[in-house]
């Protein structure tokens, strides 16, 4: 999971035989993403049912950070801070460890999909919120038993972006668009403005449907929420993966620019 830090541009050589710009330099805009290492804190197994996949068992790690627990409270300062207390105590007694082993065996036996529960580290970024973001990451490759063992070995360990992606790799980026709030039909659907002398407003839809069926169809443009929508951008290329530049050192963003800072 990454956070947009800003944008810049790069100059690269195009490798596209048959194109007019083949072997020529072009300027392209790029987005800089801040991706702190994520910490695996648990696993969840999904078992197949008649209605699809359903959650079967969830196993949590022993030590959970404060920024992870903050996500489960509305007011952290006034709360009792007792989240995940029972799951953490399981690792301290023999009965609890036996229960964890039984849960892992059941996941290996009955589940077909295994996902790792990971959270971001907000403390590594400047001017960010204190609550970490949590997500489930599906583990692919190998048998179910191998997936469970791999997640168990990586409990409370950090997974950096370089362990998942590589330079010059094509990826799909999933995110949320910028929220605009409640907007009118012209701003939301770009409908044509009505003539000046139209009664009761210009930025409207003149006809919202036939007399019968006596209801408004879902395909008719109407006012409502604009932005803050789930979107997937396909085929984005990773030009560079690097560490944050050291204060007073040389940034990794440009090998030609020797400017410090």
Protein backbone atom coordinates (compact mmCIF):
# COMPACT_ATOMS: atom_id res chain seq x y z
CA UNK A 1 0.00 0.00 0.00
CA UNK A 2 1.43 3.35 -1.02
CA UNK A 3 0.65 7.03 -0.60
CA UNK A 4 1.01 9.66 -3.28
CA UNK A 5 3.86 12.02 -2.43
CA UNK A 6 3.81 14.16 -5.58
CA UNK A 7 4.58 14.22 -9.29
CA UNK A 8 7.56 15.04 -11.49
CA UNK A 9 8.79 14.18 -14.99
CA UNK A 10 11.47 12.02 -16.54
CA UNK A 11 13.33 11.96 -19.84
CA UNK A 12 13.55 8.47 -21.31
CA UNK A 13 14.44 6.80 -24.60
CA UNK A 14 11.53 5.16 -26.40
CA UNK A 15 12.00 1.54 -27.49
CA UNK A 16 9.09 1.07 -29.90
CA UNK A 17 10.08 -0.18 -33.40
CA UNK A 18 7.95 1.33 -36.14
CA UNK A 19 7.10 4.44 -34.14
CA UNK A 20 8.20 7.95 -35.13
CA UNK A 21 9.81 8.44 -31.73
CA UNK A 22 11.72 5.13 -31.76
CA UNK A 23 15.15 5.57 -30.14
CA UNK A 24 14.36 9.21 -29.34
CA UNK A 25 14.06 10.94 -25.99
CA UNK A 26 10.60 11.88 -24.70
CA UNK A 27 9.41 13.63 -21.55
CA UNK A 28 6.80 11.76 -19.51
CA UNK A 29 5.00 12.63 -16.26
CA UNK A 30 5.53 10.25 -13.35
CA UNK A 31 3.98 9.88 -9.90
CA UNK A 32 6.10 9.46 -6.78
CA UNK A 33 4.62 6.96 -4.33
CA UNK A 34 5.69 6.69 -0.70
CA UNK A 35 5.55 3.00 0.26
CA UNK A 36 6.73 2.26 3.81
CA UNK A 37 7.28 -1.42 4.66
CA UNK A 38 4.14 -3.28 5.71
CA UNK A 39 3.99 -5.54 8.76
CA UNK A 40 2.21 -8.92 8.68
CA UNK A 41 0.15 -9.31 11.85
CA UNK A 42 -2.16 -12.21 11.05
CA UNK A 43 -3.69 -14.60 8.57
CA UNK A 44 -7.22 -15.52 7.59
CA UNK A 45 -8.41 -18.65 5.83
CA UNK A 46 -11.40 -18.84 3.48
CA UNK A 47 -13.35 -22.05 2.98
CA UNK A 48 -15.59 -22.74 -0.04
CA UNK A 49 -19.35 -22.93 0.65
CA UNK A 50 -22.53 -23.09 -1.41
CA UNK A 51 -22.67 -19.28 -1.30
CA UNK A 52 -19.00 -18.72 -2.14
CA UNK A 53 -15.93 -18.19 0.01
CA UNK A 54 -16.51 -17.59 3.71
CA UNK A 55 -14.13 -16.72 6.55
CA UNK A 56 -13.13 -19.90 8.36
CA UNK A 57 -10.35 -19.10 10.86
CA UNK A 58 -8.27 -16.06 11.77
CA UNK A 59 -4.93 -16.22 13.58
CA UNK A 60 -3.25 -13.10 14.98
CA UNK A 61 0.38 -12.47 15.90
CA UNK A 62 1.53 -12.06 19.50
CA UNK A 63 2.78 -8.47 19.42
CA UNK A 64 0.61 -5.83 17.76
CA UNK A 65 1.69 -2.21 17.45
CA UNK A 66 -0.20 0.77 18.82
CA UNK A 67 -0.82 2.28 15.39
CA UNK A 68 -2.52 -0.98 14.37
CA UNK A 69 -4.78 -1.02 17.44
CA UNK A 70 -5.74 2.62 16.95
CA UNK A 71 -7.71 1.63 13.84
CA UNK A 72 -10.24 -0.21 16.05
CA UNK A 73 -10.97 2.77 18.33
CA UNK A 74 -12.76 6.03 17.67
CA UNK A 75 -11.03 7.80 20.59
CA UNK A 76 -7.74 6.12 21.49
CA UNK A 77 -6.95 8.35 24.49
CA UNK A 78 -10.26 7.70 26.28
CA UNK A 79 -10.39 3.98 25.46
CA UNK A 80 -9.27 1.13 27.71
CA UNK A 81 -6.86 -0.15 25.02
CA UNK A 82 -7.82 -3.79 25.51
CA UNK A 83 -8.10 -4.74 21.84
CA UNK A 84 -6.56 -8.12 20.90
CA UNK A 85 -5.77 -8.84 24.55
CA UNK A 86 -7.18 -12.39 24.43
CA UNK A 87 -5.44 -13.24 21.15
CA UNK A 88 -2.08 -12.05 22.51
CA UNK A 89 -2.44 -14.10 25.71
CA UNK A 90 -2.81 -17.29 23.65
CA UNK A 91 0.92 -17.14 22.85
CA UNK A 92 1.86 -17.10 26.56
CA UNK A 93 0.27 -20.36 27.74
CA UNK A 94 0.39 -23.96 26.55
CA UNK A 95 -3.37 -24.17 26.08
CA UNK A 96 -3.33 -21.09 23.88
CA UNK A 97 -0.45 -22.39 21.76
CA UNK A 98 -2.29 -25.67 21.31
CA UNK A 99 -5.37 -23.75 20.15
CA UNK A 100 -3.27 -21.80 17.62
CA UNK A 101 -1.78 -25.03 16.26
CA UNK A 102 -5.27 -26.53 15.90
CA UNK A 103 -6.47 -23.44 14.01
CA UNK A 104 -3.50 -23.61 11.63
CA UNK A 105 -4.16 -27.30 10.98
CA UNK A 106 -7.83 -26.58 10.24
CA UNK A 107 -6.85 -23.81 7.81
CA UNK A 108 -4.54 -26.23 5.99
CA UNK A 109 -7.25 -28.89 5.86
CA UNK A 110 -10.42 -27.00 4.96
CA UNK A 111 -9.41 -23.67 3.36
CA UNK A 112 -8.64 -23.05 -0.29
CA UNK A 113 -7.69 -19.35 -0.07
CA UNK A 114 -5.24 -17.94 2.48
CA UNK A 115 -4.64 -14.22 2.94
CA UNK A 116 -2.14 -12.34 5.06
CA UNK A 117 -3.34 -9.43 7.21
CA UNK A 118 -0.87 -6.55 6.98
CA UNK A 119 -0.85 -2.92 8.06
CA UNK A 120 1.10 0.18 7.09
CA UNK A 121 3.57 2.01 9.33
CA UNK A 122 2.33 5.57 9.62
CA UNK A 123 5.12 6.55 12.03
CA UNK A 124 7.69 6.25 9.23
CA UNK A 125 6.01 9.05 7.27
CA UNK A 126 5.90 12.73 8.10
CA UNK A 127 2.67 14.63 8.78
CA UNK A 128 0.46 11.58 8.57
CA UNK A 129 -2.32 10.19 10.71
CA UNK A 130 -1.58 7.84 13.59
CA UNK A 131 -4.03 5.11 12.58
CA UNK A 132 -2.52 2.56 10.22
CA UNK A 133 -4.38 1.17 7.22
CA UNK A 134 -5.08 -2.57 7.25
CA UNK A 135 -5.58 -4.84 4.26
CA UNK A 136 -5.76 -8.51 3.35
CA UNK A 137 -3.20 -9.73 0.81
CA UNK A 138 -3.84 -13.05 -0.90
CA UNK A 139 -0.85 -15.39 -1.04
CA UNK A 140 -0.51 -17.34 -4.29
CA UNK A 141 1.82 -20.14 -5.36
CA UNK A 142 2.39 -23.51 -3.75
CA UNK A 143 0.02 -25.58 -1.66
CA UNK A 144 -2.24 -24.28 1.10
CA UNK A 145 0.09 -25.79 3.70
CA UNK A 146 3.07 -23.93 2.23
CA UNK A 147 1.12 -20.66 2.19
CA UNK A 148 0.16 -21.02 5.86
CA UNK A 149 3.73 -21.85 6.87
CA UNK A 150 5.09 -18.86 4.91
CA UNK A 151 2.71 -16.41 6.57
CA UNK A 152 3.40 -17.92 10.00
CA UNK A 153 7.15 -17.46 9.51
CA UNK A 154 6.65 -13.81 8.56
CA UNK A 155 4.50 -12.83 11.55
CA UNK A 156 5.58 -9.39 12.89
CA UNK A 157 8.11 -9.03 10.05
CA UNK A 158 8.33 -6.20 7.53
CA UNK A 159 7.66 -6.66 3.83
CA UNK A 160 9.15 -3.88 1.70
CA UNK A 161 8.02 -2.87 -1.77
CA UNK A 162 11.23 -4.26 -3.30
CA UNK A 163 10.25 -7.75 -2.06
CA UNK A 164 7.05 -7.63 -4.13
CA UNK A 165 7.75 -5.47 -7.18
CA UNK A 166 10.79 -4.87 -9.35
CA UNK A 167 12.04 -2.13 -11.63
CA UNK A 168 10.48 -1.88 -15.14
CA UNK A 169 7.54 -4.06 -14.05
CA UNK A 170 4.02 -3.38 -15.33
CA UNK A 171 1.43 -3.26 -12.55
CA UNK A 172 -2.22 -2.35 -11.97
CA UNK A 173 -2.81 0.43 -9.44
CA UNK A 174 -6.00 0.45 -7.34
CA UNK A 175 -7.05 3.61 -5.56
CA UNK A 176 -9.80 6.10 -4.76
CA UNK A 177 -10.46 9.25 -6.78
CA UNK A 178 -10.52 12.71 -5.26
CA UNK A 179 -13.85 13.36 -3.53
CA UNK A 180 -15.99 16.26 -4.82
CA UNK A 181 -19.06 15.84 -2.61
CA UNK A 182 -22.68 16.27 -3.77
CA UNK A 183 -22.73 17.74 -7.28
CA UNK A 184 -25.38 18.67 -9.82
CA UNK A 185 -26.20 16.71 -12.95
CA UNK A 186 -24.25 19.01 -15.30
CA UNK A 187 -21.05 18.79 -13.26
CA UNK A 188 -21.49 15.08 -12.60
CA UNK A 189 -22.52 13.80 -16.03
CA UNK A 190 -21.55 16.74 -18.30
CA UNK A 191 -25.04 17.11 -19.73
CA UNK A 192 -25.79 20.01 -22.06
CA UNK A 193 -26.93 23.24 -20.44
CA UNK A 194 -30.49 24.20 -21.32
CA UNK A 195 -31.37 27.47 -23.14
CA UNK A 196 -31.36 30.72 -21.20
CA UNK A 197 -35.16 31.09 -20.98
CA UNK A 198 -35.74 27.59 -19.56
CA UNK A 199 -38.16 27.53 -16.62
CA UNK A 200 -36.78 26.54 -13.19
CA UNK A 201 -33.10 26.28 -13.99
CA UNK A 202 -30.62 25.59 -16.76
CA UNK A 203 -28.22 23.01 -15.31
CA UNK A 204 -30.82 20.24 -15.30
CA UNK A 205 -32.10 17.33 -17.39
CA UNK A 206 -35.22 18.34 -19.30
CA UNK A 207 -36.70 14.85 -19.64
CA UNK A 208 -36.01 12.13 -17.10
CA UNK A 209 -38.03 9.39 -18.82
CA UNK A 210 -41.32 8.27 -20.31
CA UNK A 211 -44.72 8.32 -18.61
CA UNK A 212 -44.67 4.54 -18.34
CA UNK A 213 -42.96 2.71 -16.75
CA UNK A 214 -43.89 5.17 -14.01
CA UNK A 215 -40.46 5.37 -12.43
CA UNK A 216 -37.08 6.90 -13.18
CA UNK A 217 -34.60 4.47 -14.70
CA UNK A 218 -31.14 4.04 -13.18
CA UNK A 219 -29.55 5.04 -16.49
CA UNK A 220 -30.91 8.62 -16.30
CA UNK A 221 -28.34 11.23 -15.30
CA UNK A 222 -29.13 12.68 -11.86
CA UNK A 223 -27.42 14.79 -9.21
CA UNK A 224 -25.48 13.03 -6.46
CA UNK A 225 -22.05 12.02 -5.20
CA UNK A 226 -19.09 12.87 -7.41
CA UNK A 227 -15.62 11.50 -6.78
CA UNK A 228 -14.31 9.24 -4.01
CA UNK A 229 -14.87 6.25 -6.29
CA UNK A 230 -12.90 3.00 -6.47
CA UNK A 231 -10.83 2.92 -9.65
CA UNK A 232 -8.18 0.63 -11.18
CA UNK A 233 -5.46 1.99 -13.46
CA UNK A 234 -4.03 -0.68 -15.76
CA UNK A 235 -0.48 -1.15 -17.06
CA UNK A 236 1.54 1.35 -15.03
CA UNK A 237 5.30 0.96 -15.34
CA UNK A 238 7.65 1.17 -12.37
CA UNK A 239 10.55 3.33 -13.52
CA UNK A 240 12.52 3.29 -10.27
CA UNK A 241 12.43 1.81 -6.77
CA UNK A 242 14.69 3.51 -4.27
CA UNK A 243 15.13 4.47 -0.66
CA UNK A 244 14.39 7.88 0.81
CA UNK A 245 17.36 10.23 0.25
CA UNK A 246 19.50 10.91 3.28
CA UNK A 247 19.31 14.47 4.60
CA UNK A 248 22.27 16.33 3.13
CA UNK A 249 22.97 13.53 0.65
CA UNK A 250 22.26 13.04 -3.04
CA UNK A 251 18.81 11.96 -4.09
CA UNK A 252 18.38 8.75 -6.08
CA UNK A 253 15.87 10.42 -8.39
CA UNK A 254 18.50 11.81 -10.72
CA UNK A 255 22.00 10.54 -11.43
CA UNK A 256 22.88 13.62 -13.47
CA UNK A 257 21.84 16.25 -10.93
CA UNK A 258 24.49 16.52 -8.21
CA UNK A 259 22.59 19.10 -6.17
CA UNK A 260 22.54 18.26 -2.48
CA UNK A 261 19.37 18.12 -0.41
